[in-house]
Amino acid sequence: MKKLFLIICGIMFLNSCEKNDGKQTNVENRKPDTLAIPNQEKNIISKTENVDYCYLNVLAKDSMFMTYKVIDGIVNGKLKYKNFEKDSSSGEITGTISADTLKVNYKFVSEGVTSEREIYFLQDSGVLLEGIGNYADNNSGKLVYQSSKAINYSKGRRLNPVDCKSVK
């Protein structure tokens, strides 16, 4: 009887570790969206775009906040990872938009050290999905994805749009 009880408790514990909000995104079958642009035509970025876009992810005691503007087709903004009991980072992003993918360079400071890495975000149904992949040093100290085809958007953080005034 004790073994059965322990097995059931173990199964319940394992199930409680994986939180699933029922909003699993199937990125392979998604509709192509235009990232943060009111124009519905794919691959068209307004040259007069000058609006703040803000996104937030909160998972337990960790959070991630991103804000950016698109001006003349160039993305500029800020990104902050605030982690509980782990190294946090904060810095500037610059990049471009390619169809439904925001491709940025993240230059940040963490524990007093300045670093740089590439991050891609995929837009799906109004949220941004952070791309997770293997990185390599491009011989200039910047980490870049080894293969853009191997980026997994279902394992990264899910950033929801928020009112910029509520989180600044």
N, C-alpha and C. Protein backbone atom coordinates (compact mmCIF):
# COMPACT_ATOMS: atom_id res chain seq x y z
N MET A 1 0.83 -1.20 0.00
CA MET A 1 0.00 0.00 0.00
C MET A 1 0.87 1.26 0.00
N LYS A 2 2.00 1.23 0.76
CA LYS A 2 2.89 2.39 0.80
C LYS A 2 3.50 2.66 -0.57
N LYS A 3 3.85 1.58 -1.30
CA LYS A 3 4.45 1.74 -2.62
C LYS A 3 3.46 2.42 -3.57
N LEU A 4 2.19 1.99 -3.53
CA LEU A 4 1.17 2.58 -4.38
C LEU A 4 1.00 4.06 -4.04
N PHE A 5 0.97 4.37 -2.75
CA PHE A 5 0.84 5.76 -2.31
C PHE A 5 2.03 6.59 -2.80
N LEU A 6 3.24 6.08 -2.68
CA LEU A 6 4.44 6.80 -3.12
C LEU A 6 4.44 6.99 -4.64
N ILE A 7 3.99 6.00 -5.37
CA ILE A 7 3.94 6.12 -6.83
C ILE A 7 2.94 7.20 -7.23
N ILE A 8 1.78 7.21 -6.61
CA ILE A 8 0.77 8.22 -6.92
C ILE A 8 1.28 9.61 -6.56
N CYS A 9 1.92 9.74 -5.40
CA CYS A 9 2.49 11.04 -4.99
C CYS A 9 3.57 11.49 -5.97
N GLY A 10 4.40 10.55 -6.43
CA GLY A 10 5.45 10.88 -7.40
C GLY A 10 4.87 11.37 -8.71
N ILE A 11 3.83 10.70 -9.18
CA ILE A 11 3.18 11.12 -10.44
C ILE A 11 2.57 12.51 -10.27
N MET A 12 1.92 12.75 -9.15
CA MET A 12 1.31 14.05 -8.91
C MET A 12 2.38 15.14 -8.83
N PHE A 13 3.52 14.82 -8.22
CA PHE A 13 4.61 15.79 -8.13
C PHE A 13 5.16 16.13 -9.51
N LEU A 14 5.39 15.13 -10.33
CA LEU A 14 5.91 15.36 -11.68
C LEU A 14 4.94 16.18 -12.52
N ASN A 15 3.66 15.89 -12.40
CA ASN A 15 2.67 16.65 -13.15
C ASN A 15 2.60 18.10 -12.69
N SER A 16 2.83 18.33 -11.40
CA SER A 16 2.75 19.72 -10.91
C SER A 16 3.96 20.53 -11.34
N CYS A 17 5.07 19.90 -11.69
CA CYS A 17 6.28 20.62 -12.11
C CYS A 17 6.12 21.23 -13.49
N GLU A 18 5.36 20.62 -14.35
CA GLU A 18 5.19 21.15 -15.70
C GLU A 18 3.89 21.92 -15.77
N LYS A 19 4.03 23.24 -15.81
CA LYS A 19 2.83 24.09 -15.87
C LYS A 19 2.44 24.27 -17.32
N ASN A 20 1.22 23.96 -17.63
CA ASN A 20 0.71 24.14 -18.98
C ASN A 20 -0.59 24.92 -18.88
N ASP A 21 -0.57 26.12 -19.43
CA ASP A 21 -1.75 26.98 -19.32
C ASP A 21 -2.77 26.69 -20.43
N GLY A 22 -2.52 25.66 -21.22
CA GLY A 22 -3.45 25.32 -22.28
C GLY A 22 -3.27 26.17 -23.52
N LYS A 23 -2.26 27.02 -23.55
CA LYS A 23 -2.04 27.93 -24.66
C LYS A 23 -0.79 27.53 -25.44
N GLN A 24 -0.60 26.27 -25.63
CA GLN A 24 0.56 25.80 -26.39
C GLN A 24 0.46 26.30 -27.82
N THR A 25 1.53 26.84 -28.31
CA THR A 25 1.55 27.41 -29.64
C THR A 25 2.20 26.45 -30.61
N ASN A 26 1.53 26.15 -31.67
CA ASN A 26 2.09 25.32 -32.73
C ASN A 26 2.65 26.26 -33.78
N VAL A 27 3.97 26.52 -33.69
CA VAL A 27 4.55 27.52 -34.58
C VAL A 27 4.72 27.02 -36.00
N GLU A 28 4.70 25.71 -36.21
CA GLU A 28 4.84 25.21 -37.56
C GLU A 28 3.61 25.49 -38.41
N ASN A 29 2.44 25.53 -37.80
CA ASN A 29 1.19 25.71 -38.55
C ASN A 29 0.58 27.09 -38.34
N ARG A 30 1.39 28.05 -37.93
CA ARG A 30 0.86 29.38 -37.63
C ARG A 30 0.64 30.17 -38.91
N LYS A 31 -0.23 31.16 -38.82
CA LYS A 31 -0.42 32.08 -39.92
C LYS A 31 0.69 33.11 -39.88
N PRO A 32 1.26 33.46 -41.00
CA PRO A 32 2.30 34.49 -40.96
C PRO A 32 1.69 35.83 -40.58
N ASP A 33 2.28 36.47 -39.61
CA ASP A 33 1.83 37.77 -39.14
C ASP A 33 2.89 38.80 -39.47
N THR A 34 2.50 40.05 -39.44
CA THR A 34 3.47 41.12 -39.58
C THR A 34 3.74 41.62 -38.19
N LEU A 35 4.99 41.70 -37.81
CA LEU A 35 5.39 42.01 -36.46
C LEU A 35 5.18 43.47 -36.12
N ALA A 36 4.34 43.73 -35.15
CA ALA A 36 4.17 45.06 -34.56
C ALA A 36 3.91 46.15 -35.59
N ILE A 37 3.20 45.81 -36.63
CA ILE A 37 2.93 46.78 -37.69
C ILE A 37 1.45 46.71 -38.05
N PRO A 38 0.75 47.84 -38.04
CA PRO A 38 -0.67 47.80 -38.34
C PRO A 38 -0.97 47.42 -39.78
N ASN A 39 -0.05 47.66 -40.70
CA ASN A 39 -0.26 47.32 -42.10
C ASN A 39 -0.32 45.80 -42.26
N GLN A 40 -1.32 45.27 -42.91
CA GLN A 40 -1.52 43.83 -43.02
C GLN A 40 -0.68 43.18 -44.10
N GLU A 41 -0.01 43.97 -44.95
CA GLU A 41 0.80 43.37 -46.00
C GLU A 41 2.09 42.84 -45.41
N LYS A 42 2.43 41.61 -45.77
CA LYS A 42 3.63 40.97 -45.25
C LYS A 42 4.88 41.69 -45.77
N ASN A 43 5.89 41.77 -44.91
CA ASN A 43 7.20 42.34 -45.23
C ASN A 43 7.18 43.84 -45.51
N ILE A 44 6.14 44.54 -45.12
CA ILE A 44 6.12 45.99 -45.31
C ILE A 44 6.23 46.65 -43.95
N ILE A 45 7.28 47.45 -43.80
CA ILE A 45 7.49 48.19 -42.57
C ILE A 45 7.31 49.66 -42.88
N SER A 46 6.45 50.29 -42.12
CA SER A 46 6.18 51.70 -42.34
C SER A 46 7.43 52.53 -42.06
N LYS A 47 7.79 53.42 -42.95
CA LYS A 47 8.96 54.28 -42.78
C LYS A 47 8.70 55.37 -41.74
N THR A 48 7.43 55.61 -41.41
CA THR A 48 7.10 56.64 -40.44
C THR A 48 6.75 56.06 -39.08
N GLU A 49 6.96 54.79 -38.90
CA GLU A 49 6.64 54.13 -37.63
C GLU A 49 7.43 54.77 -36.50
N ASN A 50 6.76 55.19 -35.44
CA ASN A 50 7.43 55.81 -34.30
C ASN A 50 6.57 55.61 -33.06
N VAL A 51 6.25 54.36 -32.78
CA VAL A 51 5.35 54.00 -31.69
C VAL A 51 6.11 53.11 -30.72
N ASP A 52 5.88 53.30 -29.42
CA ASP A 52 6.48 52.41 -28.42
C ASP A 52 5.71 51.10 -28.38
N TYR A 53 6.45 50.00 -28.43
CA TYR A 53 5.88 48.67 -28.27
C TYR A 53 6.49 48.08 -27.02
N CYS A 54 5.65 47.53 -26.14
CA CYS A 54 6.13 46.98 -24.88
C CYS A 54 5.58 45.57 -24.69
N TYR A 55 6.44 44.69 -24.21
CA TYR A 55 6.09 43.28 -23.99
C TYR A 55 6.63 42.84 -22.64
N LEU A 56 5.90 41.93 -22.00
CA LEU A 56 6.25 41.48 -20.66
C LEU A 56 6.01 39.98 -20.54
N ASN A 57 6.91 39.32 -19.80
CA ASN A 57 6.73 37.92 -19.45
C ASN A 57 7.02 37.80 -17.96
N VAL A 58 6.10 37.18 -17.22
CA VAL A 58 6.32 36.92 -15.81
C VAL A 58 6.09 35.44 -15.59
N LEU A 59 7.11 34.78 -15.02
CA LEU A 59 7.02 33.36 -14.72
C LEU A 59 7.54 33.17 -13.32
N ALA A 60 6.64 32.88 -12.39
CA ALA A 60 6.97 32.77 -10.96
C ALA A 60 7.60 34.09 -10.51
N LYS A 61 8.86 34.06 -10.05
CA LYS A 61 9.51 35.28 -9.57
C LYS A 61 10.47 35.86 -10.61
N ASP A 62 10.46 35.33 -11.82
CA ASP A 62 11.30 35.84 -12.90
C ASP A 62 10.44 36.67 -13.84
N SER A 63 11.05 37.69 -14.43
CA SER A 63 10.32 38.49 -15.40
C SER A 63 11.26 38.95 -16.51
N MET A 64 10.63 39.34 -17.60
CA MET A 64 11.36 39.83 -18.77
C MET A 64 10.52 40.96 -19.35
N PHE A 65 11.17 42.08 -19.65
CA PHE A 65 10.47 43.23 -20.18
C PHE A 65 11.23 43.76 -21.39
N MET A 66 10.50 44.03 -22.47
CA MET A 66 11.11 44.57 -23.68
C MET A 66 10.26 45.73 -24.18
N THR A 67 10.94 46.79 -24.57
CA THR A 67 10.28 47.92 -25.20
C THR A 67 11.12 48.33 -26.41
N TYR A 68 10.44 48.72 -27.49
CA TYR A 68 11.18 49.14 -28.67
C TYR A 68 10.32 50.05 -29.54
N LYS A 69 11.01 50.74 -30.46
CA LYS A 69 10.39 51.56 -31.49
C LYS A 69 10.96 51.12 -32.82
N VAL A 70 10.17 51.31 -33.88
CA VAL A 70 10.64 51.07 -35.23
C VAL A 70 10.68 52.43 -35.93
N ILE A 71 11.87 52.85 -36.33
CA ILE A 71 12.04 54.11 -37.03
C ILE A 71 12.85 53.85 -38.28
N ASP A 72 12.28 54.18 -39.43
CA ASP A 72 12.93 53.96 -40.73
C ASP A 72 13.38 52.50 -40.89
N GLY A 73 12.56 51.58 -40.42
CA GLY A 73 12.85 50.15 -40.58
C GLY A 73 13.84 49.58 -39.60
N ILE A 74 14.35 50.39 -38.68
CA ILE A 74 15.32 49.93 -37.69
C ILE A 74 14.66 49.87 -36.32
N VAL A 75 14.90 48.76 -35.61
CA VAL A 75 14.36 48.55 -34.27
C VAL A 75 15.40 49.01 -33.25
N ASN A 76 14.97 49.82 -32.29
CA ASN A 76 15.81 50.25 -31.17
C ASN A 76 14.98 50.16 -29.90
N GLY A 77 15.59 49.65 -28.83
CA GLY A 77 14.85 49.57 -27.58
C GLY A 77 15.68 49.03 -26.44
N LYS A 78 14.98 48.54 -25.43
CA LYS A 78 15.61 48.02 -24.22
C LYS A 78 15.02 46.66 -23.90
N LEU A 79 15.85 45.82 -23.28
CA LEU A 79 15.43 44.48 -22.87
C LEU A 79 16.01 44.22 -21.49
N LYS A 80 15.19 43.66 -20.61
CA LYS A 80 15.65 43.37 -19.26
C LYS A 80 15.14 42.00 -18.83
N TYR A 81 16.07 41.17 -18.35
CA TYR A 81 15.74 39.90 -17.73
C TYR A 81 15.96 40.08 -16.23
N LYS A 82 14.92 39.95 -15.45
CA LYS A 82 15.03 40.06 -14.00
C LYS A 82 14.74 38.68 -13.42
N ASN A 83 15.79 38.03 -12.96
CA ASN A 83 15.68 36.65 -12.48
C ASN A 83 15.83 36.59 -10.96
N PHE A 84 15.04 35.76 -10.35
CA PHE A 84 15.09 35.57 -8.91
C PHE A 84 16.22 34.59 -8.58
N GLU A 85 17.13 35.01 -7.74
CA GLU A 85 18.26 34.19 -7.28
C GLU A 85 19.16 33.68 -8.40
N LYS A 86 19.16 34.37 -9.54
CA LYS A 86 20.06 34.08 -10.64
C LYS A 86 20.52 35.41 -11.21
N ASP A 87 21.54 35.37 -12.08
CA ASP A 87 22.02 36.61 -12.69
C ASP A 87 20.93 37.24 -13.56
N SER A 88 20.73 38.53 -13.37
CA SER A 88 19.82 39.29 -14.21
C SER A 88 20.64 40.06 -15.22
N SER A 89 19.99 40.59 -16.25
CA SER A 89 20.71 41.39 -17.24
C SER A 89 19.79 42.49 -17.75
N SER A 90 20.42 43.55 -18.24
CA SER A 90 19.68 44.69 -18.75
C SER A 90 20.52 45.34 -19.83
N GLY A 91 19.87 45.74 -20.93
CA GLY A 91 20.65 46.37 -21.98
C GLY A 91 19.81 46.90 -23.13
N GLU A 92 20.50 47.22 -24.20
CA GLU A 92 19.91 47.82 -25.40
C GLU A 92 19.73 46.77 -26.49
N ILE A 93 18.67 46.93 -27.29
CA ILE A 93 18.49 46.08 -28.46
C ILE A 93 18.46 46.95 -29.71
N THR A 94 19.03 46.43 -30.77
CA THR A 94 18.95 47.05 -32.09
C THR A 94 18.76 45.93 -33.09
N GLY A 95 18.02 46.20 -34.14
CA GLY A 95 17.83 45.14 -35.12
C GLY A 95 16.85 45.51 -36.20
N THR A 96 16.25 44.46 -36.77
CA THR A 96 15.33 44.62 -37.89
C THR A 96 14.15 43.67 -37.72
N ILE A 97 13.18 43.89 -38.58
CA ILE A 97 12.01 43.00 -38.64
C ILE A 97 12.01 42.34 -40.00
N SER A 98 11.89 41.03 -39.99
CA SER A 98 11.82 40.26 -41.23
C SER A 98 10.53 39.45 -41.19
N ALA A 99 9.52 39.91 -41.93
CA ALA A 99 8.19 39.27 -41.93
C ALA A 99 7.64 39.23 -40.51
N ASP A 100 7.56 38.04 -39.90
CA ASP A 100 7.00 37.90 -38.56
C ASP A 100 8.06 37.65 -37.50
N THR A 101 9.32 37.98 -37.81
CA THR A 101 10.42 37.73 -36.88
C THR A 101 11.17 39.03 -36.57
N LEU A 102 11.30 39.30 -35.29
CA LEU A 102 12.09 40.42 -34.80
C LEU A 102 13.49 39.88 -34.53
N LYS A 103 14.49 40.41 -35.23
CA LYS A 103 15.87 39.95 -35.11
C LYS A 103 16.69 41.06 -34.48
N VAL A 104 17.13 40.84 -33.23
CA VAL A 104 17.82 41.91 -32.52
C VAL A 104 19.19 41.46 -32.01
N ASN A 105 20.03 42.46 -31.84
CA ASN A 105 21.30 42.30 -31.15
C ASN A 105 21.08 42.86 -29.75
N TYR A 106 21.38 42.07 -28.73
CA TYR A 106 21.16 42.45 -27.34
C TYR A 106 22.52 42.72 -26.70
N LYS A 107 22.83 43.97 -26.43
CA LYS A 107 24.06 44.35 -25.75
C LYS A 107 23.69 44.68 -24.32
N PHE A 108 24.20 43.88 -23.38
CA PHE A 108 23.70 43.94 -22.02
C PHE A 108 24.82 43.86 -21.00
N VAL A 109 24.46 44.23 -19.76
CA VAL A 109 25.36 44.12 -18.63
C VAL A 109 24.74 43.14 -17.64
N SER A 110 25.56 42.18 -17.20
CA SER A 110 25.14 41.21 -16.20
C SER A 110 26.31 40.99 -15.25
N GLU A 111 26.08 41.22 -13.97
CA GLU A 111 27.13 41.06 -12.96
C GLU A 111 28.36 41.89 -13.30
N GLY A 112 28.16 43.08 -13.85
CA GLY A 112 29.26 43.98 -14.15
C GLY A 112 30.02 43.70 -15.44
N VAL A 113 29.60 42.70 -16.18
CA VAL A 113 30.27 42.33 -17.43
C VAL A 113 29.37 42.66 -18.61
N THR A 114 29.92 43.35 -19.61
CA THR A 114 29.16 43.69 -20.81
C THR A 114 29.31 42.55 -21.82
N SER A 115 28.19 42.11 -22.36
CA SER A 115 28.17 41.02 -23.34
C SER A 115 27.23 41.39 -24.47
N GLU A 116 27.26 40.58 -25.51
CA GLU A 116 26.42 40.82 -26.68
C GLU A 116 25.96 39.48 -27.24
N ARG A 117 24.68 39.41 -27.60
CA ARG A 117 24.19 38.20 -28.24
C ARG A 117 22.99 38.51 -29.13
N GLU A 118 22.78 37.63 -30.05
CA GLU A 118 21.67 37.73 -30.99
C GLU A 118 20.45 37.04 -30.38
N ILE A 119 19.27 37.67 -30.54
CA ILE A 119 18.02 37.05 -30.09
C ILE A 119 16.97 37.27 -31.17
N TYR A 120 16.23 36.21 -31.50
CA TYR A 120 15.11 36.32 -32.42
C TYR A 120 13.82 36.11 -31.64
N PHE A 121 12.80 36.88 -32.02
CA PHE A 121 11.46 36.75 -31.45
C PHE A 121 10.49 36.54 -32.60
N LEU A 122 9.65 35.54 -32.50
CA LEU A 122 8.65 35.24 -33.51
C LEU A 122 7.30 35.75 -33.02
N GLN A 123 6.58 36.50 -33.87
CA GLN A 123 5.25 36.94 -33.49
C GLN A 123 4.26 35.86 -33.87
N ASP A 124 3.40 35.53 -32.92
CA ASP A 124 2.35 34.56 -33.17
C ASP A 124 1.11 35.00 -32.40
N SER A 125 0.06 35.35 -33.09
CA SER A 125 -1.21 35.77 -32.48
C SER A 125 -1.02 36.92 -31.49
N GLY A 126 -0.19 37.87 -31.84
CA GLY A 126 -0.01 39.06 -31.02
C GLY A 126 1.02 38.96 -29.92
N VAL A 127 1.56 37.78 -29.63
CA VAL A 127 2.60 37.64 -28.62
C VAL A 127 3.94 37.39 -29.31
N LEU A 128 5.01 37.65 -28.59
CA LEU A 128 6.35 37.36 -29.11
C LEU A 128 6.89 36.12 -28.42
N LEU A 129 7.41 35.20 -29.22
CA LEU A 129 8.00 33.97 -28.71
C LEU A 129 9.51 34.07 -28.85
N GLU A 130 10.21 33.96 -27.72
CA GLU A 130 11.67 34.06 -27.72
C GLU A 130 12.27 32.81 -28.34
N GLY A 131 13.21 33.00 -29.24
CA GLY A 131 13.88 31.89 -29.89
C GLY A 131 15.00 31.32 -29.04
N ILE A 132 15.01 30.00 -28.89
CA ILE A 132 16.05 29.31 -28.14
C ILE A 132 16.86 28.47 -29.13
N GLY A 133 18.16 28.58 -29.06
CA GLY A 133 19.02 27.81 -29.95
C GLY A 133 20.44 27.79 -29.45
N ASN A 134 21.28 27.02 -30.11
CA ASN A 134 22.69 26.96 -29.75
C ASN A 134 23.41 28.18 -30.30
N TYR A 135 24.31 28.71 -29.49
CA TYR A 135 25.07 29.89 -29.86
C TYR A 135 26.53 29.54 -30.15
N ALA A 136 27.13 30.38 -30.96
CA ALA A 136 28.57 30.30 -31.23
C ALA A 136 29.12 31.71 -31.20
N ASP A 137 30.39 31.84 -30.84
CA ASP A 137 31.06 33.14 -30.84
C ASP A 137 31.46 33.47 -32.27
N ASN A 138 31.15 34.68 -32.73
CA ASN A 138 31.47 35.05 -34.11
C ASN A 138 32.84 35.70 -34.22
N ASN A 139 33.74 35.40 -33.29
CA ASN A 139 35.12 35.89 -33.24
C ASN A 139 35.24 37.37 -32.92
N SER A 140 34.13 38.01 -32.58
CA SER A 140 34.20 39.41 -32.14
C SER A 140 33.63 39.55 -30.73
N GLY A 141 33.39 38.43 -30.08
CA GLY A 141 32.84 38.45 -28.73
C GLY A 141 31.33 38.42 -28.68
N LYS A 142 30.68 38.46 -29.82
CA LYS A 142 29.22 38.43 -29.89
C LYS A 142 28.76 36.99 -30.12
N LEU A 143 27.76 36.56 -29.36
CA LEU A 143 27.19 35.24 -29.55
C LEU A 143 26.08 35.32 -30.60
N VAL A 144 26.14 34.45 -31.59
CA VAL A 144 25.12 34.39 -32.64
C VAL A 144 24.59 32.97 -32.72
N TYR A 145 23.38 32.83 -33.23
CA TYR A 145 22.81 31.50 -33.41
C TYR A 145 23.68 30.70 -34.38
N GLN A 146 23.91 29.43 -34.04
CA GLN A 146 24.67 28.57 -34.95
C GLN A 146 23.91 28.32 -36.23
N SER A 147 22.58 28.15 -36.10
CA SER A 147 21.74 27.92 -37.27
C SER A 147 20.37 28.54 -37.03
N SER A 148 19.98 29.45 -37.91
CA SER A 148 18.67 30.07 -37.74
C SER A 148 17.54 29.07 -37.98
N LYS A 149 17.82 27.99 -38.68
CA LYS A 149 16.80 26.96 -38.93
C LYS A 149 16.57 26.08 -37.71
N ALA A 150 17.52 26.07 -36.77
CA ALA A 150 17.40 25.21 -35.59
C ALA A 150 16.86 25.96 -34.37
N ILE A 151 16.38 27.18 -34.56
CA ILE A 151 15.84 27.95 -33.43
C ILE A 151 14.48 27.39 -33.05
N ASN A 152 14.30 27.15 -31.76
CA ASN A 152 13.05 26.60 -31.24
C ASN A 152 12.28 27.71 -30.53
N TYR A 153 11.13 28.07 -31.05
CA TYR A 153 10.33 29.14 -30.47
C TYR A 153 9.33 28.63 -29.44
N SER A 154 9.12 27.34 -29.35
CA SER A 154 8.15 26.82 -28.39
C SER A 154 8.75 26.65 -26.99
N LYS A 155 10.08 26.72 -26.85
CA LYS A 155 10.73 26.55 -25.55
C LYS A 155 11.09 27.87 -24.88
N GLY A 156 11.05 28.96 -25.63
CA GLY A 156 11.43 30.26 -25.07
C GLY A 156 10.30 30.92 -24.31
N ARG A 157 10.60 32.08 -23.79
CA ARG A 157 9.59 32.84 -23.05
C ARG A 157 8.56 33.42 -24.00
N ARG A 158 7.36 33.57 -23.49
CA ARG A 158 6.23 34.10 -24.24
C ARG A 158 5.95 35.50 -23.72
N LEU A 159 6.21 36.50 -24.54
CA LEU A 159 6.03 37.89 -24.12
C LEU A 159 4.69 38.42 -24.62
N ASN A 160 3.90 38.92 -23.69
CA ASN A 160 2.60 39.46 -24.02
C ASN A 160 2.69 40.98 -24.13
N PRO A 161 1.93 41.58 -25.07
CA PRO A 161 1.93 43.04 -25.17
C PRO A 161 1.31 43.66 -23.93
N VAL A 162 1.90 44.77 -23.48
CA VAL A 162 1.39 45.50 -22.31
C VAL A 162 1.41 46.99 -22.60
N ASP A 163 0.66 47.72 -21.81
CA ASP A 163 0.66 49.19 -21.91
C ASP A 163 2.00 49.67 -21.34
N CYS A 164 2.74 50.41 -22.12
CA CYS A 164 4.08 50.85 -21.71
C CYS A 164 4.05 51.67 -20.44
N LYS A 165 3.00 52.42 -20.21
CA LYS A 165 2.91 53.26 -19.01
C LYS A 165 2.79 52.42 -17.74
N SER A 166 2.26 51.22 -17.85
CA SER A 166 2.02 50.40 -16.65
C SER A 166 3.26 49.71 -16.14
N VAL A 167 4.33 49.65 -16.92
CA VAL A 167 5.50 48.90 -16.48
C VAL A 167 6.80 49.68 -16.47
N LYS A 168 6.81 50.90 -16.91
CA LYS A 168 8.07 51.67 -16.94
C LYS A 168 8.47 52.17 -15.59
